[in-house]
Amino acid sequence: MATADLVAVGLGNPGPDYDGSRHNLGALAITCLAARHGARLRAERGTSCTTASVRTGGKLMILAIPQTYMNDSGMAVRPLVKRYLGPEPGERLVIVHDELDLPPGTVRVKAGGGTAGHNGLRSIEAHLHRRDFVRVRIGIGKPPSRARGVDHVLKRPSKAEKDLLAVSVEMAADAVEAICIEGVAVAMNRFNTKS
């Protein structure tokens, strides 16, 4: 099996009940990226993911969406890392996810760091025993109260916010490509300075 230059994983929850929810924006960004390259995400044996292989800038990128629930994302990511990246994935693993600490319409690139309470990131860190992977964070804003956090991430946004988030999803896909082709530092410089 060819070693990938990058594995990009978009987090979300499977099934129609979660389609269009804020929590599924990471998966949506990966779907968008696959469509750009005319690739179709298909179930991959030995993983709990749908995947597609694409070439961009002369590099091989594996796009993946876990078919586990968000809280079990690490179970799906670990076999992918083993298959395509080996024991030291580092910055060649990119996780695309929703982010409460950023306002809607914002996309940021971050190398390493904590989980900020995100259950998908927490699961990945627990299964990989490392946190040096790259995150492409799609802002969804904070809920009105901490108690309503689950409702906020699982709810479908309003029409106005939906349009804003659609732009963010495209921007997140751009960020993944930039990381693959130009590297994390360039992508951080480009996307972290946008308003």
N, C-alpha and C. Protein backbone atom coordinates (compact mmCIF):
# COMPACT_ATOMS: atom_id res chain seq x y z
N MET A 1 0.85 -1.19 0.00
CA MET A 1 0.00 0.00 0.00
C MET A 1 0.88 1.24 0.00
N ALA A 2 0.54 2.19 -0.87
CA ALA A 2 1.33 3.43 -0.97
C ALA A 2 1.19 4.25 0.30
N THR A 3 2.27 4.85 0.72
CA THR A 3 2.21 5.75 1.87
C THR A 3 1.70 7.10 1.38
N ALA A 4 0.74 7.65 2.09
CA ALA A 4 0.14 8.92 1.70
C ALA A 4 0.99 10.09 2.17
N ASP A 5 0.92 11.16 1.43
CA ASP A 5 1.56 12.41 1.87
C ASP A 5 0.73 13.06 2.97
N LEU A 6 -0.59 12.82 2.93
CA LEU A 6 -1.49 13.43 3.91
C LEU A 6 -2.74 12.57 4.04
N VAL A 7 -3.22 12.43 5.26
CA VAL A 7 -4.54 11.84 5.51
C VAL A 7 -5.39 12.93 6.15
N ALA A 8 -6.50 13.28 5.50
CA ALA A 8 -7.41 14.31 6.01
C ALA A 8 -8.72 13.65 6.41
N VAL A 9 -9.09 13.82 7.67
CA VAL A 9 -10.27 13.18 8.23
C VAL A 9 -11.28 14.24 8.63
N GLY A 10 -12.50 14.12 8.13
CA GLY A 10 -13.57 15.05 8.48
C GLY A 10 -14.50 14.42 9.50
N LEU A 11 -14.64 15.04 10.66
CA LEU A 11 -15.44 14.46 11.74
C LEU A 11 -16.92 14.80 11.61
N GLY A 12 -17.74 13.85 12.07
CA GLY A 12 -19.19 14.03 12.06
C GLY A 12 -19.84 12.81 12.66
N ASN A 13 -21.16 12.77 12.59
CA ASN A 13 -21.93 11.61 13.02
C ASN A 13 -22.62 11.01 11.80
N PRO A 14 -22.67 9.67 11.70
CA PRO A 14 -23.30 9.05 10.54
C PRO A 14 -24.83 9.08 10.63
N GLY A 15 -25.48 8.95 9.48
CA GLY A 15 -26.93 8.80 9.45
C GLY A 15 -27.67 10.09 9.17
N PRO A 16 -28.88 9.98 8.62
CA PRO A 16 -29.66 11.14 8.20
C PRO A 16 -30.07 12.07 9.33
N ASP A 17 -30.16 11.56 10.55
CA ASP A 17 -30.54 12.41 11.69
C ASP A 17 -29.54 13.54 11.92
N TYR A 18 -28.30 13.36 11.49
CA TYR A 18 -27.25 14.34 11.76
C TYR A 18 -26.86 15.16 10.52
N ASP A 19 -27.40 14.81 9.37
CA ASP A 19 -27.09 15.57 8.15
C ASP A 19 -27.41 17.04 8.36
N GLY A 20 -26.49 17.89 7.96
CA GLY A 20 -26.73 19.32 8.05
C GLY A 20 -26.51 19.93 9.42
N SER A 21 -26.13 19.12 10.42
CA SER A 21 -25.89 19.67 11.76
C SER A 21 -24.52 20.34 11.82
N ARG A 22 -24.35 21.21 12.79
CA ARG A 22 -23.07 21.91 12.96
C ARG A 22 -21.94 20.91 13.23
N HIS A 23 -22.24 19.84 13.94
CA HIS A 23 -21.24 18.85 14.32
C HIS A 23 -20.68 18.09 13.12
N ASN A 24 -21.36 18.16 11.97
CA ASN A 24 -20.95 17.41 10.79
C ASN A 24 -20.18 18.24 9.77
N LEU A 25 -19.78 19.44 10.14
CA LEU A 25 -19.10 20.31 9.17
C LEU A 25 -17.76 19.75 8.70
N GLY A 26 -17.05 19.05 9.57
CA GLY A 26 -15.77 18.45 9.17
C GLY A 26 -15.98 17.42 8.06
N ALA A 27 -16.98 16.56 8.25
CA ALA A 27 -17.31 15.56 7.23
C ALA A 27 -17.74 16.22 5.93
N LEU A 28 -18.48 17.32 6.05
CA LEU A 28 -18.95 18.05 4.87
C LEU A 28 -17.77 18.64 4.08
N ALA A 29 -16.76 19.14 4.79
CA ALA A 29 -15.58 19.70 4.12
C ALA A 29 -14.83 18.63 3.32
N ILE A 30 -14.74 17.43 3.88
CA ILE A 30 -14.07 16.32 3.17
C ILE A 30 -14.89 15.88 1.97
N THR A 31 -16.22 15.84 2.11
CA THR A 31 -17.10 15.52 0.98
C THR A 31 -16.92 16.54 -0.14
N CYS A 32 -16.83 17.80 0.24
CA CYS A 32 -16.61 18.89 -0.71
C CYS A 32 -15.27 18.72 -1.44
N LEU A 33 -14.24 18.38 -0.71
CA LEU A 33 -12.90 18.20 -1.29
C LEU A 33 -12.87 17.01 -2.26
N ALA A 34 -13.54 15.93 -1.88
CA ALA A 34 -13.62 14.76 -2.78
C ALA A 34 -14.33 15.14 -4.08
N ALA A 35 -15.43 15.89 -3.96
CA ALA A 35 -16.19 16.30 -5.14
C ALA A 35 -15.36 17.19 -6.06
N ARG A 36 -14.56 18.06 -5.50
CA ARG A 36 -13.68 18.92 -6.31
C ARG A 36 -12.76 18.11 -7.21
N HIS A 37 -12.34 16.97 -6.69
CA HIS A 37 -11.39 16.13 -7.43
C HIS A 37 -12.08 15.00 -8.20
N GLY A 38 -13.41 15.03 -8.22
CA GLY A 38 -14.16 13.99 -8.93
C GLY A 38 -14.00 12.62 -8.31
N ALA A 39 -13.72 12.59 -7.01
CA ALA A 39 -13.52 11.31 -6.30
C ALA A 39 -14.78 10.94 -5.53
N ARG A 40 -14.99 9.65 -5.36
CA ARG A 40 -16.15 9.17 -4.62
C ARG A 40 -15.68 8.47 -3.35
N LEU A 41 -16.25 8.89 -2.23
CA LEU A 41 -15.92 8.26 -0.94
C LEU A 41 -16.61 6.91 -0.86
N ARG A 42 -15.81 5.87 -0.58
CA ARG A 42 -16.35 4.50 -0.50
C ARG A 42 -15.86 3.84 0.78
N ALA A 43 -16.63 2.87 1.26
CA ALA A 43 -16.23 2.12 2.46
C ALA A 43 -14.89 1.44 2.20
N GLU A 44 -13.98 1.56 3.15
CA GLU A 44 -12.66 0.94 3.01
C GLU A 44 -12.54 -0.22 3.99
N ARG A 45 -12.22 -1.38 3.45
CA ARG A 45 -12.09 -2.58 4.27
C ARG A 45 -11.04 -2.38 5.37
N GLY A 46 -11.35 -2.92 6.54
CA GLY A 46 -10.41 -2.84 7.65
C GLY A 46 -10.45 -1.53 8.41
N THR A 47 -11.32 -0.62 7.98
CA THR A 47 -11.48 0.65 8.70
C THR A 47 -12.97 0.89 8.88
N SER A 48 -13.31 1.80 9.75
CA SER A 48 -14.70 2.23 9.90
C SER A 48 -14.86 3.58 9.23
N CYS A 49 -14.35 3.69 8.01
CA CYS A 49 -14.37 4.97 7.29
C CYS A 49 -14.79 4.78 5.84
N THR A 50 -15.32 5.86 5.27
CA THR A 50 -15.39 5.95 3.82
C THR A 50 -14.17 6.76 3.41
N THR A 51 -13.51 6.38 2.34
CA THR A 51 -12.27 7.05 1.93
C THR A 51 -12.25 7.28 0.42
N ALA A 52 -11.39 8.19 0.02
CA ALA A 52 -11.09 8.43 -1.39
C ALA A 52 -9.64 8.85 -1.48
N SER A 53 -8.96 8.44 -2.55
CA SER A 53 -7.57 8.85 -2.80
C SER A 53 -7.59 9.91 -3.89
N VAL A 54 -6.92 11.02 -3.64
CA VAL A 54 -6.82 12.07 -4.67
C VAL A 54 -5.38 12.55 -4.75
N ARG A 55 -5.03 13.07 -5.90
CA ARG A 55 -3.71 13.68 -6.07
C ARG A 55 -3.89 15.18 -6.22
N THR A 56 -3.11 15.93 -5.49
CA THR A 56 -3.16 17.38 -5.58
C THR A 56 -1.73 17.91 -5.45
N GLY A 57 -1.35 18.75 -6.36
CA GLY A 57 0.02 19.29 -6.33
C GLY A 57 1.07 18.20 -6.38
N GLY A 58 0.75 17.07 -7.04
CA GLY A 58 1.69 15.96 -7.15
C GLY A 58 1.79 15.11 -5.89
N LYS A 59 0.90 15.34 -4.93
CA LYS A 59 0.95 14.59 -3.67
C LYS A 59 -0.30 13.73 -3.51
N LEU A 60 -0.14 12.60 -2.84
CA LEU A 60 -1.25 11.69 -2.60
C LEU A 60 -1.92 12.03 -1.27
N MET A 61 -3.21 12.31 -1.36
CA MET A 61 -3.98 12.67 -0.18
C MET A 61 -5.12 11.66 -0.01
N ILE A 62 -5.24 11.11 1.18
CA ILE A 62 -6.35 10.22 1.51
C ILE A 62 -7.39 11.05 2.25
N LEU A 63 -8.59 11.07 1.72
CA LEU A 63 -9.71 11.77 2.35
C LEU A 63 -10.54 10.73 3.07
N ALA A 64 -10.96 11.01 4.29
CA ALA A 64 -11.70 10.01 5.07
C ALA A 64 -12.77 10.64 5.94
N ILE A 65 -13.89 9.91 6.05
CA ILE A 65 -14.96 10.29 6.97
C ILE A 65 -15.28 9.06 7.83
N PRO A 66 -15.05 9.14 9.14
CA PRO A 66 -15.39 8.02 10.01
C PRO A 66 -16.88 7.70 9.94
N GLN A 67 -17.22 6.43 10.01
CA GLN A 67 -18.62 6.01 10.06
C GLN A 67 -19.01 5.62 11.48
N THR A 68 -18.15 5.93 12.43
CA THR A 68 -18.46 5.77 13.85
C THR A 68 -19.14 7.06 14.31
N TYR A 69 -19.70 7.03 15.51
CA TYR A 69 -20.20 8.27 16.08
C TYR A 69 -19.01 9.11 16.53
N MET A 70 -19.25 10.40 16.66
CA MET A 70 -18.19 11.36 16.98
C MET A 70 -17.33 10.90 18.16
N ASN A 71 -17.98 10.43 19.22
CA ASN A 71 -17.25 10.05 20.43
C ASN A 71 -16.30 8.87 20.23
N ASP A 72 -16.45 8.14 19.11
CA ASP A 72 -15.59 6.99 18.81
C ASP A 72 -14.71 7.24 17.59
N SER A 73 -14.49 8.47 17.24
CA SER A 73 -13.71 8.80 16.03
C SER A 73 -12.33 8.16 16.02
N GLY A 74 -11.71 8.06 17.18
CA GLY A 74 -10.37 7.48 17.27
C GLY A 74 -10.31 6.04 16.80
N MET A 75 -11.40 5.28 17.02
CA MET A 75 -11.45 3.89 16.57
C MET A 75 -11.36 3.81 15.05
N ALA A 76 -11.89 4.81 14.36
CA ALA A 76 -11.85 4.84 12.90
C ALA A 76 -10.53 5.40 12.38
N VAL A 77 -9.97 6.37 13.09
CA VAL A 77 -8.75 7.04 12.63
C VAL A 77 -7.51 6.17 12.81
N ARG A 78 -7.44 5.43 13.90
CA ARG A 78 -6.23 4.64 14.18
C ARG A 78 -5.84 3.68 13.05
N PRO A 79 -6.77 2.86 12.48
CA PRO A 79 -6.37 1.97 11.39
C PRO A 79 -5.91 2.72 10.13
N LEU A 80 -6.50 3.89 9.89
CA LEU A 80 -6.08 4.71 8.74
C LEU A 80 -4.65 5.18 8.90
N VAL A 81 -4.34 5.66 10.09
CA VAL A 81 -2.99 6.15 10.37
C VAL A 81 -1.98 5.02 10.22
N LYS A 82 -2.33 3.86 10.76
CA LYS A 82 -1.44 2.70 10.66
C LYS A 82 -1.20 2.32 9.20
N ARG A 83 -2.26 2.33 8.40
CA ARG A 83 -2.18 1.91 7.00
C ARG A 83 -1.43 2.91 6.12
N TYR A 84 -1.70 4.19 6.30
CA TYR A 84 -1.19 5.19 5.35
C TYR A 84 -0.04 6.06 5.85
N LEU A 85 0.11 6.18 7.17
CA LEU A 85 1.11 7.11 7.69
C LEU A 85 2.18 6.48 8.56
N GLY A 86 1.91 5.31 9.11
CA GLY A 86 2.90 4.66 9.96
C GLY A 86 2.91 5.20 11.37
N PRO A 87 3.96 4.85 12.15
CA PRO A 87 3.97 5.15 13.59
C PRO A 87 4.18 6.63 13.94
N GLU A 88 4.65 7.43 13.00
CA GLU A 88 4.90 8.85 13.29
C GLU A 88 4.13 9.74 12.32
N PRO A 89 2.80 9.83 12.47
CA PRO A 89 2.02 10.60 11.50
C PRO A 89 2.28 12.11 11.55
N GLY A 90 2.48 12.64 12.77
CA GLY A 90 2.75 14.05 12.94
C GLY A 90 1.79 14.93 12.16
N GLU A 91 2.36 15.89 11.43
CA GLU A 91 1.55 16.87 10.71
C GLU A 91 1.00 16.35 9.39
N ARG A 92 1.21 15.06 9.11
CA ARG A 92 0.60 14.48 7.90
C ARG A 92 -0.82 14.00 8.17
N LEU A 93 -1.25 14.05 9.43
CA LEU A 93 -2.64 13.74 9.78
C LEU A 93 -3.35 15.06 10.07
N VAL A 94 -4.44 15.30 9.32
CA VAL A 94 -5.21 16.53 9.47
C VAL A 94 -6.64 16.15 9.84
N ILE A 95 -7.12 16.72 10.94
CA ILE A 95 -8.49 16.47 11.39
C ILE A 95 -9.30 17.75 11.17
N VAL A 96 -10.40 17.64 10.44
CA VAL A 96 -11.27 18.79 10.17
C VAL A 96 -12.50 18.65 11.07
N HIS A 97 -12.80 19.69 11.86
CA HIS A 97 -13.87 19.58 12.85
C HIS A 97 -14.51 20.93 13.15
N ASP A 98 -15.70 20.86 13.74
CA ASP A 98 -16.40 22.05 14.20
C ASP A 98 -15.74 22.57 15.47
N GLU A 99 -15.84 23.87 15.71
CA GLU A 99 -15.15 24.49 16.84
C GLU A 99 -16.04 25.54 17.51
N LEU A 100 -16.43 25.28 18.76
CA LEU A 100 -17.28 26.21 19.52
C LEU A 100 -16.58 27.53 19.83
N ASP A 101 -15.26 27.50 19.96
CA ASP A 101 -14.51 28.68 20.39
C ASP A 101 -14.24 29.67 19.26
N LEU A 102 -14.75 29.40 18.07
CA LEU A 102 -14.59 30.33 16.94
C LEU A 102 -15.96 30.73 16.44
N PRO A 103 -16.13 32.00 16.02
CA PRO A 103 -17.43 32.42 15.49
C PRO A 103 -17.74 31.77 14.15
N PRO A 104 -19.02 31.62 13.81
CA PRO A 104 -19.39 31.06 12.51
C PRO A 104 -18.75 31.89 11.38
N GLY A 105 -18.31 31.20 10.35
CA GLY A 105 -17.66 31.87 9.21
C GLY A 105 -16.16 31.94 9.34
N THR A 106 -15.62 31.41 10.44
CA THR A 106 -14.18 31.44 10.70
C THR A 106 -13.58 30.06 10.51
N VAL A 107 -12.40 30.01 9.87
CA VAL A 107 -11.64 28.76 9.74
C VAL A 107 -10.22 29.04 10.22
N ARG A 108 -9.71 28.17 11.05
CA ARG A 108 -8.35 28.31 11.56
C ARG A 108 -7.61 26.98 11.46
N VAL A 109 -6.30 27.08 11.25
CA VAL A 109 -5.43 25.90 11.19
C VAL A 109 -4.57 25.90 12.45
N LYS A 110 -4.48 24.74 13.08
CA LYS A 110 -3.71 24.63 14.32
C LYS A 110 -2.91 23.34 14.31
N ALA A 111 -1.65 23.40 14.69
CA ALA A 111 -0.81 22.21 14.79
C ALA A 111 -0.71 21.81 16.25
N GLY A 112 -1.20 20.61 16.58
CA GLY A 112 -1.14 20.11 17.94
C GLY A 112 -2.06 20.86 18.88
N GLY A 113 -1.88 20.61 20.18
CA GLY A 113 -2.68 21.30 21.19
C GLY A 113 -3.67 20.38 21.86
N GLY A 114 -4.51 20.99 22.69
CA GLY A 114 -5.51 20.24 23.45
C GLY A 114 -6.75 19.96 22.64
N THR A 115 -7.76 19.40 23.32
CA THR A 115 -8.98 19.01 22.63
C THR A 115 -10.10 20.04 22.79
N ALA A 116 -9.95 20.99 23.71
CA ALA A 116 -10.96 22.02 23.98
C ALA A 116 -12.34 21.38 24.22
N GLY A 117 -12.34 20.19 24.82
CA GLY A 117 -13.60 19.52 25.14
C GLY A 117 -14.29 18.86 23.97
N HIS A 118 -13.65 18.83 22.80
CA HIS A 118 -14.27 18.22 21.62
C HIS A 118 -14.12 16.70 21.73
N ASN A 119 -15.25 15.99 21.79
CA ASN A 119 -15.20 14.54 22.02
C ASN A 119 -14.54 13.76 20.89
N GLY A 120 -14.67 14.23 19.66
CA GLY A 120 -14.01 13.56 18.53
C GLY A 120 -12.50 13.65 18.66
N LEU A 121 -12.00 14.84 18.99
CA LEU A 121 -10.55 15.02 19.17
C LEU A 121 -10.05 14.22 20.37
N ARG A 122 -10.85 14.22 21.42
CA ARG A 122 -10.48 13.48 22.63
C ARG A 122 -10.31 11.99 22.32
N SER A 123 -11.23 11.44 21.52
CA SER A 123 -11.17 10.02 21.15
C SER A 123 -9.94 9.73 20.29
N ILE A 124 -9.65 10.63 19.35
CA ILE A 124 -8.48 10.44 18.47
C ILE A 124 -7.20 10.46 19.29
N GLU A 125 -7.10 11.44 20.18
CA GLU A 125 -5.91 11.53 21.03
C GLU A 125 -5.76 10.27 21.89
N ALA A 126 -6.87 9.76 22.43
CA ALA A 126 -6.83 8.57 23.28
C ALA A 126 -6.38 7.33 22.50
N HIS A 127 -6.81 7.20 21.24
CA HIS A 127 -6.46 6.02 20.44
C HIS A 127 -5.06 6.11 19.82
N LEU A 128 -4.62 7.33 19.52
CA LEU A 128 -3.28 7.49 18.90
C LEU A 128 -2.19 7.72 19.94
N HIS A 129 -2.59 8.09 21.16
CA HIS A 129 -1.63 8.43 22.23
C HIS A 129 -0.71 9.56 21.80
N ARG A 130 -1.29 10.53 21.09
CA ARG A 130 -0.52 11.70 20.66
C ARG A 130 -1.49 12.80 20.30
N ARG A 131 -0.96 14.03 20.29
CA ARG A 131 -1.82 15.17 19.96
C ARG A 131 -1.15 16.13 18.98
N ASP A 132 -0.11 15.63 18.26
CA ASP A 132 0.63 16.52 17.36
C ASP A 132 0.03 16.61 15.96
N PHE A 133 -1.20 16.06 15.78
CA PHE A 133 -1.84 16.16 14.47
C PHE A 133 -2.34 17.59 14.24
N VAL A 134 -2.63 17.88 12.99
CA VAL A 134 -3.08 19.22 12.60
C VAL A 134 -4.61 19.25 12.64
N ARG A 135 -5.14 20.40 13.04
CA ARG A 135 -6.59 20.56 13.06
C ARG A 135 -6.97 21.71 12.14
N VAL A 136 -8.00 21.49 11.34
CA VAL A 136 -8.64 22.57 10.59
C VAL A 136 -9.96 22.79 11.30
N ARG A 137 -10.08 23.93 11.96
CA ARG A 137 -11.20 24.21 12.86
C ARG A 137 -12.21 25.11 12.17
N ILE A 138 -13.46 24.66 12.10
CA ILE A 138 -14.54 25.43 11.47
C ILE A 138 -15.42 26.01 12.57
N GLY A 139 -15.42 27.33 12.69
CA GLY A 139 -16.17 27.98 13.77
C GLY A 139 -17.67 27.79 13.67
N ILE A 140 -18.29 27.47 14.81
CA ILE A 140 -19.76 27.36 14.86
C ILE A 140 -20.33 28.26 15.96
N GLY A 141 -19.47 28.95 16.70
CA GLY A 141 -19.93 29.83 17.77
C GLY A 141 -20.38 29.09 19.01
N LYS A 142 -20.47 29.84 20.08
CA LYS A 142 -20.86 29.25 21.37
C LYS A 142 -22.38 29.17 21.50
N PRO A 143 -22.88 28.14 22.20
CA PRO A 143 -24.32 28.07 22.48
C PRO A 143 -24.71 29.14 23.50
N PRO A 144 -26.03 29.41 23.65
CA PRO A 144 -26.47 30.42 24.62
C PRO A 144 -26.04 30.09 26.04
N SER A 145 -25.96 28.79 26.37
CA SER A 145 -25.49 28.38 27.69
C SER A 145 -24.75 27.06 27.56
N ARG A 146 -23.92 26.77 28.55
CA ARG A 146 -23.14 25.53 28.54
C ARG A 146 -24.05 24.30 28.50
N ALA A 147 -25.18 24.40 29.19
CA ALA A 147 -26.12 23.28 29.27
C ALA A 147 -26.72 22.95 27.90
N ARG A 148 -26.72 23.92 26.99
CA ARG A 148 -27.31 23.70 25.67
C ARG A 148 -26.27 23.40 24.60
N GLY A 149 -25.06 23.06 25.03
CA GLY A 149 -23.96 22.78 24.09
C GLY A 149 -24.26 21.64 23.14
N VAL A 150 -24.81 20.54 23.66
CA VAL A 150 -25.10 19.37 22.82
C VAL A 150 -26.15 19.74 21.78
N ASP A 151 -27.21 20.43 22.22
CA ASP A 151 -28.26 20.86 21.28
C ASP A 151 -27.67 21.74 20.18
N HIS A 152 -26.77 22.62 20.58
CA HIS A 152 -26.17 23.58 19.63
C HIS A 152 -25.41 22.86 18.53
N VAL A 153 -24.57 21.89 18.89
CA VAL A 153 -23.74 21.23 17.87
C VAL A 153 -24.55 20.27 17.01
N LEU A 154 -25.61 19.68 17.58
CA LEU A 154 -26.38 18.69 16.83
C LEU A 154 -27.55 19.30 16.05
N LYS A 155 -27.82 20.56 16.31
CA LYS A 155 -28.93 21.24 15.64
C LYS A 155 -28.51 21.76 14.26
N ARG A 156 -29.48 21.84 13.36
CA ARG A 156 -29.20 22.44 12.05
C ARG A 156 -29.26 23.96 12.20
N PRO A 157 -28.32 24.67 11.58
CA PRO A 157 -28.28 26.13 11.72
C PRO A 157 -29.41 26.81 10.95
N SER A 158 -29.64 28.09 11.29
CA SER A 158 -30.63 28.90 10.57
C SER A 158 -30.16 29.13 9.14
N LYS A 159 -31.06 29.63 8.29
CA LYS A 159 -30.73 29.85 6.88
C LYS A 159 -29.53 30.80 6.73
N ALA A 160 -29.54 31.90 7.46
CA ALA A 160 -28.45 32.88 7.36
C ALA A 160 -27.12 32.27 7.80
N GLU A 161 -27.15 31.53 8.90
CA GLU A 161 -25.93 30.90 9.39
C GLU A 161 -25.49 29.77 8.47
N LYS A 162 -26.46 29.08 7.89
CA LYS A 162 -26.15 27.97 6.98
C LYS A 162 -25.33 28.47 5.78
N ASP A 163 -25.71 29.63 5.24
CA ASP A 163 -24.97 30.22 4.11
C ASP A 163 -23.54 30.56 4.53
N LEU A 164 -23.40 31.11 5.72
CA LEU A 164 -22.09 31.47 6.25
C LEU A 164 -21.23 30.22 6.45
N LEU A 165 -21.82 29.16 6.99
CA LEU A 165 -21.09 27.92 7.22
C LEU A 165 -20.72 27.21 5.92
N ALA A 166 -21.55 27.38 4.89
CA ALA A 166 -21.23 26.78 3.58
C ALA A 166 -19.94 27.38 3.02
N VAL A 167 -19.75 28.67 3.23
CA VAL A 167 -18.50 29.33 2.81
C VAL A 167 -17.33 28.78 3.64
N SER A 168 -17.56 28.59 4.94
CA SER A 168 -16.52 28.05 5.83
C SER A 168 -16.10 26.64 5.41
N VAL A 169 -17.06 25.84 4.99
CA VAL A 169 -16.77 24.47 4.56
C VAL A 169 -15.84 24.49 3.34
N GLU A 170 -16.13 25.37 2.39
CA GLU A 170 -15.26 25.53 1.20
C GLU A 170 -13.87 26.00 1.62
N MET A 171 -13.83 26.94 2.57
CA MET A 171 -12.55 27.46 3.04
C MET A 171 -11.74 26.38 3.76
N ALA A 172 -12.44 25.53 4.52
CA ALA A 172 -11.76 24.42 5.21
C ALA A 172 -11.17 23.45 4.20
N ALA A 173 -11.90 23.19 3.12
CA ALA A 173 -11.37 22.33 2.05
C ALA A 173 -10.14 22.96 1.43
N ASP A 174 -10.18 24.28 1.22
CA ASP A 174 -9.00 25.01 0.71
C ASP A 174 -7.81 24.85 1.65
N ALA A 175 -8.09 24.93 2.94
CA ALA A 175 -7.02 24.84 3.95
C ALA A 175 -6.36 23.46 3.91
N VAL A 176 -7.16 22.40 3.77
CA VAL A 176 -6.59 21.04 3.70
C VAL A 176 -5.67 20.93 2.49
N GLU A 177 -6.12 21.45 1.35
CA GLU A 177 -5.27 21.39 0.15
C GLU A 177 -3.98 22.19 0.33
N ALA A 178 -4.10 23.35 0.96
CA ALA A 178 -2.92 24.18 1.20
C ALA A 178 -1.92 23.46 2.10
N ILE A 179 -2.43 22.78 3.14
CA ILE A 179 -1.55 22.02 4.04
C ILE A 179 -0.82 20.94 3.25
N CYS A 180 -1.55 20.23 2.40
CA CYS A 180 -0.96 19.14 1.63
C CYS A 180 0.12 19.64 0.67
N ILE A 181 -0.19 20.72 -0.04
CA ILE A 181 0.70 21.19 -1.11
C ILE A 181 1.82 22.08 -0.58
N GLU A 182 1.47 22.99 0.34
CA GLU A 182 2.43 24.02 0.75
C GLU A 182 2.94 23.88 2.18
N GLY A 183 2.29 23.04 2.97
CA GLY A 183 2.75 22.83 4.34
C GLY A 183 1.90 23.58 5.36
N VAL A 184 2.03 23.16 6.61
CA VAL A 184 1.22 23.70 7.70
C VAL A 184 1.50 25.17 7.95
N ALA A 185 2.77 25.56 7.97
CA ALA A 185 3.12 26.95 8.29
C ALA A 185 2.50 27.92 7.29
N VAL A 186 2.56 27.58 6.02
CA VAL A 186 1.97 28.45 4.98
C VAL A 186 0.45 28.53 5.16
N ALA A 187 -0.16 27.37 5.41
CA ALA A 187 -1.62 27.34 5.60
C ALA A 187 -2.03 28.15 6.83
N MET A 188 -1.29 28.04 7.92
CA MET A 188 -1.60 28.80 9.12
C MET A 188 -1.49 30.29 8.84
N ASN A 189 -0.45 30.68 8.14
CA ASN A 189 -0.26 32.09 7.81
C ASN A 189 -1.41 32.63 6.96
N ARG A 190 -1.88 31.81 6.03
CA ARG A 190 -2.93 32.24 5.10
C ARG A 190 -4.31 32.28 5.77
N PHE A 191 -4.66 31.24 6.51
CA PHE A 191 -6.02 31.14 7.03
C PHE A 191 -6.21 31.74 8.42
N ASN A 192 -5.15 31.81 9.20
CA ASN A 192 -5.31 32.34 10.56
C ASN A 192 -5.28 33.84 10.61
N THR A 193 -5.00 34.50 9.49
CA THR A 193 -5.01 35.96 9.46
C THR A 193 -6.29 36.50 8.83
N LYS A 194 -7.15 35.60 8.32
CA LYS A 194 -8.43 36.04 7.75
C LYS A 194 -9.41 36.33 8.87
N SER A 195 -10.30 37.30 8.62
CA SER A 195 -11.30 37.63 9.67
C SER A 195 -12.45 36.65 9.65
